[in-house]
Amino acid sequence: MTWFAIDTWIVVVGVFAAVSCALLGNFLVLRKMSMMGDAISHAVLPGLAMAFLITGARASLTMFIGAAIAGVLTALFSQWISKFGNVDRGASMGIVFTTLFALGLILIVQAADHVDLDPGCVLYGAIELTPLDVVWRPNLFGQALEVPRAALVLGGVTLINLLFIVLFFKELRISSFDPELATTMGINSNLMHYLLMTLVAITTVAAFEAVGSIIVIAMLIAPATAAHLLTDRLVSMIIVSVILAILSAVLGHLSALLMPGWFDFGNTASSKIDSISTSGMMAVMSGLIFTLVFFFAPRHGIVAKHLLGAKEAAD
């Protein structure tokens, strides 16, 4: 296996995307809102279409703002329907994202049909191409670095998410486990909810372009759920989820590099790149890690529960 500088940046971008999603995913899992990332990733389509219709351009910033607004509206509408309509939270998310996704398709077909939207890019992203979009060339210890835009954006989002959790950890913890208790303690649980949903929307949109919707959904759910099986303490859960997210990103890219050789997917470099999606393999690795934890977690794993049940039956 030959490792190039471009591989390092692909891993860095993947790690930032995975960690930024995993940090917020812990609170989505605790609030039983794991599919919010899936809902937002589908519902951003009308935001993208409206941004193009208003500006007439496919500039990244305007598209990002349009998609982020659509993502925030998805979270708001889902909460309102669930709260005021007494509808199950999962059902309200399904209603909102399918409606907005259909609206986005109508807008695209009726008014912006000539816009080039690549379904493969939407699903798997273009993480292999992110190192080519260089926006910063600092000189570090005499070594010139070429920093991709995706690394800067996702690094900034990761830092914002980390600061949000550190600064509002107490409020997030209490409002996630018991919103009514949080209200009696003077904590505005609704404000915490909307701040969390806003960051989920921004994170989803920021990671969407680079790594696609599959890895965003996977990283919002899999590392946090696996960490929840490994520990009952929230601080430990957050730390473990970050470690699992980093492992998924690193192992995913290594697998994408090595698997074409193992299974003879192609002899040329281009065929090997085309044959394995790095984002797809990162999502697969997160699923494999969760599967291992699901079976072999010390206290909550299937094997541990089976052994404990057998021991109690023997006693």
C-alpha atoms as a PDB file:
ATOM      1  CA  MET A   1       0.000   0.000   0.000  1.00  0.00           C
ATOM      2  CA  THR A   2       1.350   3.413  -0.963  1.00  0.00           C
ATOM      3  CA  TRP A   3       0.439   6.330   1.308  1.00  0.00           C
ATOM      4  CA  PHE A   4       0.373   9.838  -0.161  1.00  0.00           C
ATOM      5  CA  ALA A   5      -0.197  13.248   1.409  1.00  0.00           C
ATOM      6  CA  ILE A   6      -3.655  13.243  -0.134  1.00  0.00           C
ATOM      7  CA  ASP A   7      -4.516  10.146   1.944  1.00  0.00           C
ATOM      8  CA  THR A   8      -3.618  12.017   5.129  1.00  0.00           C
ATOM      9  CA  TRP A   9      -6.004  14.844   4.261  1.00  0.00           C
ATOM     10  CA  ILE A  10      -8.767  12.364   3.349  1.00  0.00           C
ATOM     11  CA  VAL A  11      -8.396  10.778   6.798  1.00  0.00           C
ATOM     12  CA  VAL A  12      -8.306  14.205   8.483  1.00  0.00           C
ATOM     13  CA  VAL A  13     -11.517  15.264   6.719  1.00  0.00           C
ATOM     14  CA  GLY A  14     -13.152  11.926   7.553  1.00  0.00           C
ATOM     15  CA  VAL A  15     -12.103  12.171  11.218  1.00  0.00           C
ATOM     16  CA  PHE A  16     -13.455  15.725  11.548  1.00  0.00           C
ATOM     17  CA  ALA A  17     -16.759  14.686   9.938  1.00  0.00           C
ATOM     18  CA  ALA A  18     -17.041  11.586  12.139  1.00  0.00           C
ATOM     19  CA  VAL A  19     -16.134  13.339  15.395  1.00  0.00           C
ATOM     20  CA  SER A  20     -18.366  16.362  14.780  1.00  0.00           C
ATOM     21  CA  CYS A  21     -21.325  14.025  14.164  1.00  0.00           C
ATOM     22  CA  ALA A  22     -20.492  11.669  17.050  1.00  0.00           C
ATOM     23  CA  LEU A  23     -20.308  14.511  19.601  1.00  0.00           C
ATOM     24  CA  LEU A  24     -23.912  15.542  18.910  1.00  0.00           C
ATOM     25  CA  GLY A  25     -25.045  11.977  18.235  1.00  0.00           C
ATOM     26  CA  ASN A  26     -24.714  11.140  21.943  1.00  0.00           C
ATOM     27  CA  PHE A  27     -27.517  13.543  22.826  1.00  0.00           C
ATOM     28  CA  LEU A  28     -29.654  12.472  19.857  1.00  0.00           C
ATOM     29  CA  VAL A  29     -29.413   8.852  21.042  1.00  0.00           C
ATOM     30  CA  LEU A  30     -30.277   9.798  24.633  1.00  0.00           C
ATOM     31  CA  ARG A  31     -33.257  11.875  23.423  1.00  0.00           C
ATOM     32  CA  LYS A  32     -34.409   9.006  21.129  1.00  0.00           C
ATOM     33  CA  MET A  33     -33.962  11.265  18.073  1.00  0.00           C
ATOM     34  CA  SER A  34     -31.322   9.234  16.246  1.00  0.00           C
ATOM     35  CA  MET A  35     -32.981   9.632  12.847  1.00  0.00           C
ATOM     36  CA  MET A  36     -32.928  13.431  12.918  1.00  0.00           C
ATOM     37  CA  GLY A  37     -29.713  13.418  10.872  1.00  0.00           C
ATOM     38  CA  ASP A  38     -31.394  11.250   8.234  1.00  0.00           C
ATOM     39  CA  ALA A  39     -34.395  13.596   8.162  1.00  0.00           C
ATOM     40  CA  ILE A  40     -32.232  16.704   7.793  1.00  0.00           C
ATOM     41  CA  SER A  41     -30.012  15.179   5.094  1.00  0.00           C
ATOM     42  CA  HIS A  42     -33.134  14.571   2.968  1.00  0.00           C
ATOM     43  CA  ALA A  43     -34.905  17.813   3.812  1.00  0.00           C
ATOM     44  CA  VAL A  44     -32.063  20.142   2.757  1.00  0.00           C
ATOM     45  CA  LEU A  45     -33.004  19.720  -0.916  1.00  0.00           C
ATOM     46  CA  PRO A  46     -35.552  22.605  -1.034  1.00  0.00           C
ATOM     47  CA  GLY A  47     -32.996  24.825   0.705  1.00  0.00           C
ATOM     48  CA  LEU A  48     -30.441  24.045  -2.010  1.00  0.00           C
ATOM     49  CA  ALA A  49     -33.017  24.659  -4.749  1.00  0.00           C
ATOM     50  CA  MET A  50     -34.233  27.947  -3.225  1.00  0.00           C
ATOM     51  CA  ALA A  51     -30.660  29.188  -2.771  1.00  0.00           C
ATOM     52  CA  PHE A  52     -30.005  28.534  -6.458  1.00  0.00           C
ATOM     53  CA  LEU A  53     -33.296  30.149  -7.553  1.00  0.00           C
ATOM     54  CA  ILE A  54     -32.623  33.307  -5.517  1.00  0.00           C
ATOM     55  CA  THR A  55     -28.954  33.764  -6.383  1.00  0.00           C
ATOM     56  CA  GLY A  56     -28.802  31.976  -9.744  1.00  0.00           C
ATOM     57  CA  ALA A  57     -25.431  30.536  -8.763  1.00  0.00           C
ATOM     58  CA  ARG A  58     -24.060  27.351  -7.211  1.00  0.00           C
ATOM     59  CA  ALA A  59     -21.695  29.131  -4.816  1.00  0.00           C
ATOM     60  CA  SER A  60     -20.862  26.987  -1.802  1.00  0.00           C
ATOM     61  CA  LEU A  61     -21.707  29.639   0.798  1.00  0.00           C
ATOM     62  CA  THR A  62     -25.210  30.400  -0.466  1.00  0.00           C
ATOM     63  CA  MET A  63     -25.948  26.706  -0.925  1.00  0.00           C
ATOM     64  CA  PHE A  64     -24.672  26.066   2.614  1.00  0.00           C
ATOM     65  CA  ILE A  65     -26.884  28.814   4.061  1.00  0.00           C
ATOM     66  CA  GLY A  66     -29.945  27.585   2.157  1.00  0.00           C
ATOM     67  CA  ALA A  67     -29.393  23.997   3.225  1.00  0.00           C
ATOM     68  CA  ALA A  68     -28.705  24.992   6.837  1.00  0.00           C
ATOM     69  CA  ILE A  69     -31.961  27.008   7.000  1.00  0.00           C
ATOM     70  CA  ALA A  70     -33.888  24.035   5.595  1.00  0.00           C
ATOM     71  CA  GLY A  71     -32.232  21.770   8.160  1.00  0.00           C
ATOM     72  CA  VAL A  72     -33.152  24.038  11.056  1.00  0.00           C
ATOM     73  CA  LEU A  73     -36.738  24.303   9.775  1.00  0.00           C
ATOM     74  CA  THR A  74     -36.902  20.497   9.645  1.00  0.00           C
ATOM     75  CA  ALA A  75     -35.990  20.312  13.321  1.00  0.00           C
ATOM     76  CA  LEU A  76     -38.438  23.091  14.226  1.00  0.00           C
ATOM     77  CA  PHE A  77     -41.377  21.642  12.268  1.00  0.00           C
ATOM     78  CA  SER A  78     -40.728  18.139  13.646  1.00  0.00           C
ATOM     79  CA  GLN A  79     -40.740  19.456  17.211  1.00  0.00           C
ATOM     80  CA  TRP A  80     -43.890  21.516  16.696  1.00  0.00           C
ATOM     81  CA  ILE A  81     -45.850  18.659  15.095  1.00  0.00           C
ATOM     82  CA  SER A  82     -44.779  16.269  17.834  1.00  0.00           C
ATOM     83  CA  LYS A  83     -45.514  18.724  20.656  1.00  0.00           C
ATOM     84  CA  PHE A  84     -48.730  20.414  19.532  1.00  0.00           C
ATOM     85  CA  GLY A  85     -50.182  17.564  17.467  1.00  0.00           C
ATOM     86  CA  ASN A  86     -49.413  14.870  20.056  1.00  0.00           C
ATOM     87  CA  VAL A  87     -47.733  12.853  17.307  1.00  0.00           C
ATOM     88  CA  ASP A  88     -44.925  10.348  17.832  1.00  0.00           C
ATOM     89  CA  ARG A  89     -41.553  12.066  17.371  1.00  0.00           C
ATOM     90  CA  GLY A  90     -40.394   9.548  14.759  1.00  0.00           C
ATOM     91  CA  ALA A  91     -43.617   9.989  12.789  1.00  0.00           C
ATOM     92  CA  SER A  92     -43.313  13.789  12.884  1.00  0.00           C
ATOM     93  CA  MET A  93     -39.759  13.589  11.502  1.00  0.00           C
ATOM     94  CA  GLY A  94     -40.963  11.277   8.742  1.00  0.00           C
ATOM     95  CA  ILE A  95     -43.802  13.633   7.802  1.00  0.00           C
ATOM     96  CA  VAL A  96     -41.582  16.716   7.676  1.00  0.00           C
ATOM     97  CA  PHE A  97     -38.610  15.323   5.798  1.00  0.00           C
ATOM     98  CA  THR A  98     -40.670  13.493   3.162  1.00  0.00           C
ATOM     99  CA  THR A  99     -42.746  16.655   2.581  1.00  0.00           C
ATOM    100  CA  LEU A 100     -39.692  18.904   2.277  1.00  0.00           C
ATOM    101  CA  PHE A 101     -37.844  16.354   0.141  1.00  0.00           C
ATOM    102  CA  ALA A 102     -40.793  16.159  -2.247  1.00  0.00           C
ATOM    103  CA  LEU A 103     -41.003  19.975  -2.333  1.00  0.00           C
ATOM    104  CA  GLY A 104     -37.313  20.097  -3.181  1.00  0.00           C
ATOM    105  CA  LEU A 105     -37.787  17.640  -6.046  1.00  0.00           C
ATOM    106  CA  ILE A 106     -40.631  19.773  -7.429  1.00  0.00           C
ATOM    107  CA  LEU A 107     -38.511  22.921  -7.230  1.00  0.00           C
ATOM    108  CA  ILE A 108     -35.598  21.189  -8.935  1.00  0.00           C
ATOM    109  CA  VAL A 109     -37.740  19.769 -11.737  1.00  0.00           C
ATOM    110  CA  GLN A 110     -39.865  22.882 -12.341  1.00  0.00           C
ATOM    111  CA  ALA A 111     -37.343  25.670 -11.958  1.00  0.00           C
ATOM    112  CA  ALA A 112     -33.800  24.319 -11.835  1.00  0.00           C
ATOM    113  CA  ASP A 113     -33.877  21.139 -13.880  1.00  0.00           C
ATOM    114  CA  HIS A 114     -30.668  22.058 -15.678  1.00  0.00           C
ATOM    115  CA  VAL A 115     -28.704  22.097 -12.421  1.00  0.00           C
ATOM    116  CA  ASP A 116     -26.248  19.215 -12.250  1.00  0.00           C
ATOM    117  CA  LEU A 117     -26.966  17.134  -9.110  1.00  0.00           C
ATOM    118  CA  ASP A 118     -24.947  13.920  -8.925  1.00  0.00           C
ATOM    119  CA  PRO A 119     -26.826  11.208  -6.934  1.00  0.00           C
ATOM    120  CA  GLY A 120     -23.537   9.442  -6.213  1.00  0.00           C
ATOM    121  CA  CYS A 121     -22.104  12.612  -4.726  1.00  0.00           C
ATOM    122  CA  VAL A 122     -25.221  13.053  -2.575  1.00  0.00           C
ATOM    123  CA  LEU A 123     -24.982   9.502  -1.205  1.00  0.00           C
ATOM    124  CA  TYR A 124     -21.229   8.993  -0.887  1.00  0.00           C
ATOM    125  CA  GLY A 125     -19.882  12.557  -1.054  1.00  0.00           C
ATOM    126  CA  ALA A 126     -16.596  13.362  -2.703  1.00  0.00           C
ATOM    127  CA  ILE A 127     -14.122  12.903   0.131  1.00  0.00           C
ATOM    128  CA  GLU A 128     -11.446  11.598  -2.272  1.00  0.00           C
ATOM    129  CA  LEU A 129     -11.542  14.969  -4.077  1.00  0.00           C
ATOM    130  CA  THR A 130     -11.576  17.240  -1.001  1.00  0.00           C
ATOM    131  CA  PRO A 131      -7.721  17.556  -0.805  1.00  0.00           C
ATOM    132  CA  LEU A 132      -7.761  19.150  -4.266  1.00  0.00           C
ATOM    133  CA  ASP A 133      -9.788  22.178  -3.058  1.00  0.00           C
ATOM    134  CA  VAL A 134      -6.920  23.943  -1.256  1.00  0.00           C
ATOM    135  CA  VAL A 135      -7.766  27.303   0.352  1.00  0.00           C
ATOM    136  CA  TRP A 136      -4.891  27.829   2.818  1.00  0.00           C
ATOM    137  CA  ARG A 137      -1.137  27.265   2.419  1.00  0.00           C
ATOM    138  CA  PRO A 138       0.536  27.896   5.811  1.00  0.00           C
ATOM    139  CA  ASN A 139       4.230  27.290   6.459  1.00  0.00           C
ATOM    140  CA  LEU A 140       4.675  25.021   9.496  1.00  0.00           C
ATOM    141  CA  PHE A 141       8.241  24.335  10.716  1.00  0.00           C
ATOM    142  CA  GLY A 142       9.583  25.054   7.246  1.00  0.00           C
ATOM    143  CA  GLN A 143       7.085  22.652   5.707  1.00  0.00           C
ATOM    144  CA  ALA A 144       4.469  24.077   3.345  1.00  0.00           C
ATOM    145  CA  LEU A 145       0.994  22.688   4.029  1.00  0.00           C
ATOM    146  CA  GLU A 146      -1.928  22.703   1.617  1.00  0.00           C
ATOM    147  CA  VAL A 147      -5.060  22.768   3.774  1.00  0.00           C
ATOM    148  CA  PRO A 148      -8.304  21.766   1.994  1.00  0.00           C
ATOM    149  CA  ARG A 149     -11.475  23.800   2.478  1.00  0.00           C
ATOM    150  CA  ALA A 150     -13.348  20.753   3.810  1.00  0.00           C
ATOM    151  CA  ALA A 151     -10.761  20.272   6.592  1.00  0.00           C
ATOM    152  CA  LEU A 152     -11.104  23.910   7.679  1.00  0.00           C
ATOM    153  CA  VAL A 153     -14.922  23.869   7.577  1.00  0.00           C
ATOM    154  CA  LEU A 154     -15.332  20.529   9.352  1.00  0.00           C
ATOM    155  CA  GLY A 155     -12.538  21.348  11.821  1.00  0.00           C
ATOM    156  CA  GLY A 156     -14.370  24.562  12.722  1.00  0.00           C
ATOM    157  CA  VAL A 157     -17.686  22.718  13.093  1.00  0.00           C
ATOM    158  CA  THR A 158     -16.012  20.099  15.313  1.00  0.00           C
ATOM    159  CA  LEU A 159     -14.577  22.845  17.535  1.00  0.00           C
ATOM    160  CA  ILE A 160     -17.967  24.602  17.799  1.00  0.00           C
ATOM    161  CA  ASN A 161     -19.709  21.332  18.729  1.00  0.00           C
ATOM    162  CA  LEU A 162     -17.049  20.562  21.346  1.00  0.00           C
ATOM    163  CA  LEU A 163     -17.326  24.039  22.886  1.00  0.00           C
ATOM    164  CA  PHE A 164     -21.125  23.759  22.942  1.00  0.00           C
ATOM    165  CA  ILE A 165     -20.971  20.474  24.850  1.00  0.00           C
ATOM    166  CA  VAL A 166     -18.305  21.709  27.277  1.00  0.00           C
ATOM    167  CA  LEU A 167     -20.065  25.017  28.015  1.00  0.00           C
ATOM    168  CA  PHE A 168     -23.589  23.575  28.314  1.00  0.00           C
ATOM    169  CA  PHE A 169     -22.797  20.063  29.544  1.00  0.00           C
ATOM    170  CA  LYS A 170     -24.876  20.332  32.714  1.00  0.00           C
ATOM    171  CA  GLU A 171     -27.887  21.765  30.856  1.00  0.00           C
ATOM    172  CA  LEU A 172     -27.631  19.192  28.062  1.00  0.00           C
ATOM    173  CA  ARG A 173     -27.306  16.277  30.490  1.00  0.00           C
ATOM    174  CA  ILE A 174     -30.302  17.192  32.642  1.00  0.00           C
ATOM    175  CA  SER A 175     -32.563  18.233  29.751  1.00  0.00           C
ATOM    176  CA  SER A 176     -31.701  15.037  27.840  1.00  0.00           C
ATOM    177  CA  PHE A 177     -32.558  12.687  30.703  1.00  0.00           C
ATOM    178  CA  ASP A 178     -35.422  14.613  32.338  1.00  0.00           C
ATOM    179  CA  PRO A 179     -36.742  17.789  30.605  1.00  0.00           C
ATOM    180  CA  GLU A 180     -39.318  18.408  33.352  1.00  0.00           C
ATOM    181  CA  LEU A 181     -36.648  18.311  36.068  1.00  0.00           C
ATOM    182  CA  ALA A 182     -34.534  20.679  33.967  1.00  0.00           C
ATOM    183  CA  THR A 183     -37.429  23.142  33.816  1.00  0.00           C
ATOM    184  CA  THR A 184     -37.931  23.051  37.602  1.00  0.00           C
ATOM    185  CA  MET A 185     -34.187  23.764  38.011  1.00  0.00           C
ATOM    186  CA  GLY A 186     -34.480  26.886  35.849  1.00  0.00           C
ATOM    187  CA  ILE A 187     -32.947  25.326  32.746  1.00  0.00           C
ATOM    188  CA  ASN A 188     -34.684  26.208  29.488  1.00  0.00           C
ATOM    189  CA  SER A 189     -34.904  22.715  27.985  1.00  0.00           C
ATOM    190  CA  ASN A 190     -36.604  24.039  24.831  1.00  0.00           C
ATOM    191  CA  LEU A 191     -33.691  26.410  24.198  1.00  0.00           C
ATOM    192  CA  MET A 192     -31.241  23.533  24.677  1.00  0.00           C
ATOM    193  CA  HIS A 193     -33.264  21.426  22.245  1.00  0.00           C
ATOM    194  CA  TYR A 194     -33.316  24.076  19.534  1.00  0.00           C
ATOM    195  CA  LEU A 195     -29.618  24.897  19.981  1.00  0.00           C
ATOM    196  CA  LEU A 196     -28.809  21.182  19.656  1.00  0.00           C
ATOM    197  CA  MET A 197     -31.019  20.827  16.558  1.00  0.00           C
ATOM    198  CA  THR A 198     -29.442  23.911  14.978  1.00  0.00           C
ATOM    199  CA  LEU A 199     -25.963  22.454  15.448  1.00  0.00           C
ATOM    200  CA  VAL A 200     -27.139  19.075  14.110  1.00  0.00           C
ATOM    201  CA  ALA A 201     -28.447  20.846  10.993  1.00  0.00           C
ATOM    202  CA  ILE A 202     -25.233  22.845  10.496  1.00  0.00           C
ATOM    203  CA  THR A 203     -23.055  19.765  11.084  1.00  0.00           C
ATOM    204  CA  THR A 204     -25.120  17.642   8.714  1.00  0.00           C
ATOM    205  CA  VAL A 205     -24.951  20.238   5.944  1.00  0.00           C
ATOM    206  CA  ALA A 206     -21.227  20.929   6.478  1.00  0.00           C
ATOM    207  CA  ALA A 207     -20.370  17.224   6.298  1.00  0.00           C
ATOM    208  CA  PHE A 208     -22.898  16.526   3.549  1.00  0.00           C
ATOM    209  CA  GLU A 209     -20.840  17.912   0.662  1.00  0.00           C
ATOM    210  CA  ALA A 210     -17.583  16.244   1.646  1.00  0.00           C
ATOM    211  CA  VAL A 211     -18.627  12.826   2.856  1.00  0.00           C
ATOM    212  CA  GLY A 212     -22.217  12.355   1.655  1.00  0.00           C
ATOM    213  CA  SER A 213     -25.379  11.482   3.507  1.00  0.00           C
ATOM    214  CA  ILE A 214     -24.521   7.847   4.314  1.00  0.00           C
ATOM    215  CA  ILE A 215     -21.568   8.560   6.576  1.00  0.00           C
ATOM    216  CA  VAL A 216     -23.354  11.521   8.211  1.00  0.00           C
ATOM    217  CA  ILE A 217     -26.267   9.307   9.226  1.00  0.00           C
ATOM    218  CA  ALA A 218     -23.918   6.498  10.297  1.00  0.00           C
ATOM    219  CA  MET A 219     -21.685   8.732  12.402  1.00  0.00           C
ATOM    220  CA  LEU A 220     -24.594  10.446  14.124  1.00  0.00           C
ATOM    221  CA  ILE A 221     -25.913   7.082  15.319  1.00  0.00           C
ATOM    222  CA  ALA A 222     -23.396   4.209  15.324  1.00  0.00           C
ATOM    223  CA  PRO A 223     -20.514   5.523  17.537  1.00  0.00           C
ATOM    224  CA  ALA A 224     -22.868   6.986  20.143  1.00  0.00           C
ATOM    225  CA  THR A 225     -25.050   3.861  20.261  1.00  0.00           C
ATOM    226  CA  ALA A 226     -22.004   1.599  20.589  1.00  0.00           C
ATOM    227  CA  ALA A 227     -20.592   3.844  23.320  1.00  0.00           C
ATOM    228  CA  HIS A 228     -23.941   3.676  25.151  1.00  0.00           C
ATOM    229  CA  LEU A 229     -23.586  -0.118  25.243  1.00  0.00           C
ATOM    230  CA  LEU A 230     -20.083   0.173  26.700  1.00  0.00           C
ATOM    231  CA  THR A 231     -20.699   2.666  29.475  1.00  0.00           C
ATOM    232  CA  ASP A 232     -23.530   4.211  31.511  1.00  0.00           C
ATOM    233  CA  ARG A 233     -21.653   7.447  32.292  1.00  0.00           C
ATOM    234  CA  LEU A 234     -22.286  10.340  29.902  1.00  0.00           C
ATOM    235  CA  VAL A 235     -18.754  11.737  29.972  1.00  0.00           C
ATOM    236  CA  SER A 236     -17.293   8.307  29.253  1.00  0.00           C
ATOM    237  CA  MET A 237     -19.929   7.771  26.551  1.00  0.00           C
ATOM    238  CA  ILE A 238     -18.884  10.963  24.752  1.00  0.00           C
ATOM    239  CA  ILE A 239     -15.172  10.097  24.944  1.00  0.00           C
ATOM    240  CA  VAL A 240     -15.720   6.504  23.775  1.00  0.00           C
ATOM    241  CA  SER A 241     -17.955   7.646  20.903  1.00  0.00           C
ATOM    242  CA  VAL A 242     -15.239  10.043  19.695  1.00  0.00           C
ATOM    243  CA  ILE A 243     -12.635   7.244  19.822  1.00  0.00           C
ATOM    244  CA  LEU A 244     -14.936   4.883  17.891  1.00  0.00           C
ATOM    245  CA  ALA A 245     -15.649   7.611  15.323  1.00  0.00           C
ATOM    246  CA  ILE A 246     -11.915   8.179  14.768  1.00  0.00           C
ATOM    247  CA  LEU A 247     -11.340   4.422  14.450  1.00  0.00           C
ATOM    248  CA  SER A 248     -14.156   4.170  11.902  1.00  0.00           C
ATOM    249  CA  ALA A 249     -12.686   6.960   9.762  1.00  0.00           C
ATOM    250  CA  VAL A 250      -9.108   5.643   9.840  1.00  0.00           C
ATOM    251  CA  LEU A 251     -10.028   1.980   9.311  1.00  0.00           C
ATOM    252  CA  GLY A 252     -12.516   2.975   6.617  1.00  0.00           C
ATOM    253  CA  HIS A 253      -9.909   4.704   4.484  1.00  0.00           C
ATOM    254  CA  LEU A 254      -7.360   1.925   5.034  1.00  0.00           C
ATOM    255  CA  SER A 255      -9.978  -0.615   3.948  1.00  0.00           C
ATOM    256  CA  ALA A 256     -10.812   1.439   0.874  1.00  0.00           C
ATOM    257  CA  LEU A 257      -7.123   1.384  -0.080  1.00  0.00           C
ATOM    258  CA  LEU A 258      -6.455  -2.286   0.691  1.00  0.00           C
ATOM    259  CA  MET A 259      -9.651  -4.079  -0.342  1.00  0.00           C
ATOM    260  CA  PRO A 260      -9.296  -3.569  -4.124  1.00  0.00           C
ATOM    261  CA  GLY A 261      -5.970  -5.455  -3.934  1.00  0.00           C
ATOM    262  CA  TRP A 262      -7.377  -8.209  -1.754  1.00  0.00           C
ATOM    263  CA  PHE A 263     -10.365  -8.857  -3.988  1.00  0.00           C
ATOM    264  CA  ASP A 264      -8.793  -7.889  -7.349  1.00  0.00           C
ATOM    265  CA  PHE A 265     -11.373  -5.180  -8.111  1.00  0.00           C
ATOM    266  CA  GLY A 266      -9.162  -3.690 -10.817  1.00  0.00           C
ATOM    267  CA  ASN A 267      -5.604  -3.310 -11.964  1.00  0.00           C
ATOM    268  CA  THR A 268      -5.423   0.424 -12.688  1.00  0.00           C
ATOM    269  CA  ALA A 269      -5.307   3.162 -10.076  1.00  0.00           C
ATOM    270  CA  SER A 270      -8.461   4.802 -11.392  1.00  0.00           C
ATOM    271  CA  SER A 271     -10.411   1.545 -11.311  1.00  0.00           C
ATOM    272  CA  LYS A 272      -9.349   0.956  -7.700  1.00  0.00           C
ATOM    273  CA  ILE A 273     -10.442   4.446  -6.668  1.00  0.00           C
ATOM    274  CA  ASP A 274     -13.763   4.020  -8.447  1.00  0.00           C
ATOM    275  CA  SER A 275     -14.359   0.543  -7.028  1.00  0.00           C
ATOM    276  CA  ILE A 276     -14.313   1.411  -3.305  1.00  0.00           C
ATOM    277  CA  SER A 277     -15.895   4.490  -1.744  1.00  0.00           C
ATOM    278  CA  THR A 278     -13.953   5.777   1.240  1.00  0.00           C
ATOM    279  CA  SER A 279     -17.089   7.306   2.769  1.00  0.00           C
ATOM    280  CA  GLY A 280     -18.952   4.040   2.250  1.00  0.00           C
ATOM    281  CA  MET A 281     -16.161   2.054   3.924  1.00  0.00           C
ATOM    282  CA  MET A 282     -16.094   4.478   6.880  1.00  0.00           C
ATOM    283  CA  ALA A 283     -19.819   3.854   7.341  1.00  0.00           C
ATOM    284  CA  VAL A 284     -19.259   0.091   7.010  1.00  0.00           C
ATOM    285  CA  MET A 285     -16.505   0.202   9.637  1.00  0.00           C
ATOM    286  CA  SER A 286     -18.761   2.073  12.057  1.00  0.00           C
ATOM    287  CA  GLY A 287     -21.384  -0.630  11.525  1.00  0.00           C
ATOM    288  CA  LEU A 288     -18.850  -3.425  12.091  1.00  0.00           C
ATOM    289  CA  ILE A 289     -17.573  -1.791  15.270  1.00  0.00           C
ATOM    290  CA  PHE A 290     -21.144  -1.450  16.536  1.00  0.00           C
ATOM    291  CA  THR A 291     -21.785  -5.123  15.724  1.00  0.00           C
ATOM    292  CA  LEU A 292     -18.741  -6.202  17.743  1.00  0.00           C
ATOM    293  CA  VAL A 293     -19.830  -4.049  20.675  1.00  0.00           C
ATOM    294  CA  PHE A 294     -23.409  -5.281  20.353  1.00  0.00           C
ATOM    295  CA  PHE A 295     -22.264  -8.880  20.865  1.00  0.00           C
ATOM    296  CA  PHE A 296     -19.251  -8.483  23.154  1.00  0.00           C
ATOM    297  CA  ALA A 297     -19.897  -5.412  25.350  1.00  0.00           C
ATOM    298  CA  PRO A 298     -18.928  -6.349  28.929  1.00  0.00           C
ATOM    299  CA  ARG A 299     -22.297  -5.577  30.563  1.00  0.00           C
ATOM    300  CA  HIS A 300     -24.875  -4.906  27.858  1.00  0.00           C
ATOM    301  CA  GLY A 301     -23.597  -7.191  25.066  1.00  0.00           C
ATOM    302  CA  ILE A 302     -25.563 -10.205  23.857  1.00  0.00           C
ATOM    303  CA  VAL A 303     -22.846 -12.674  24.939  1.00  0.00           C
ATOM    304  CA  ALA A 304     -22.536 -11.122  28.416  1.00  0.00           C
ATOM    305  CA  LYS A 305     -26.315 -11.198  28.919  1.00  0.00           C
ATOM    306  CA  HIS A 306     -26.463 -14.816  27.741  1.00  0.00           C
ATOM    307  CA  LEU A 307     -23.677 -15.848  30.126  1.00  0.00           C
ATOM    308  CA  LEU A 308     -25.311 -13.983  33.004  1.00  0.00           C
ATOM    309  CA  GLY A 309     -28.652 -15.639  32.279  1.00  0.00           C
ATOM    310  CA  ALA A 310     -27.006 -19.077  32.170  1.00  0.00           C
ATOM    311  CA  LYS A 311     -25.229 -18.403  35.466  1.00  0.00           C
ATOM    312  CA  GLU A 312     -28.453 -17.296  37.176  1.00  0.00           C
ATOM    313  CA  ALA A 313     -30.249 -20.378  35.847  1.00  0.00           C
ATOM    314  CA  ALA A 314     -27.482 -22.621  37.190  1.00  0.00           C
ATOM    315  CA  ASP A 315     -27.679 -20.957  40.643  1.00  0.00           C
END
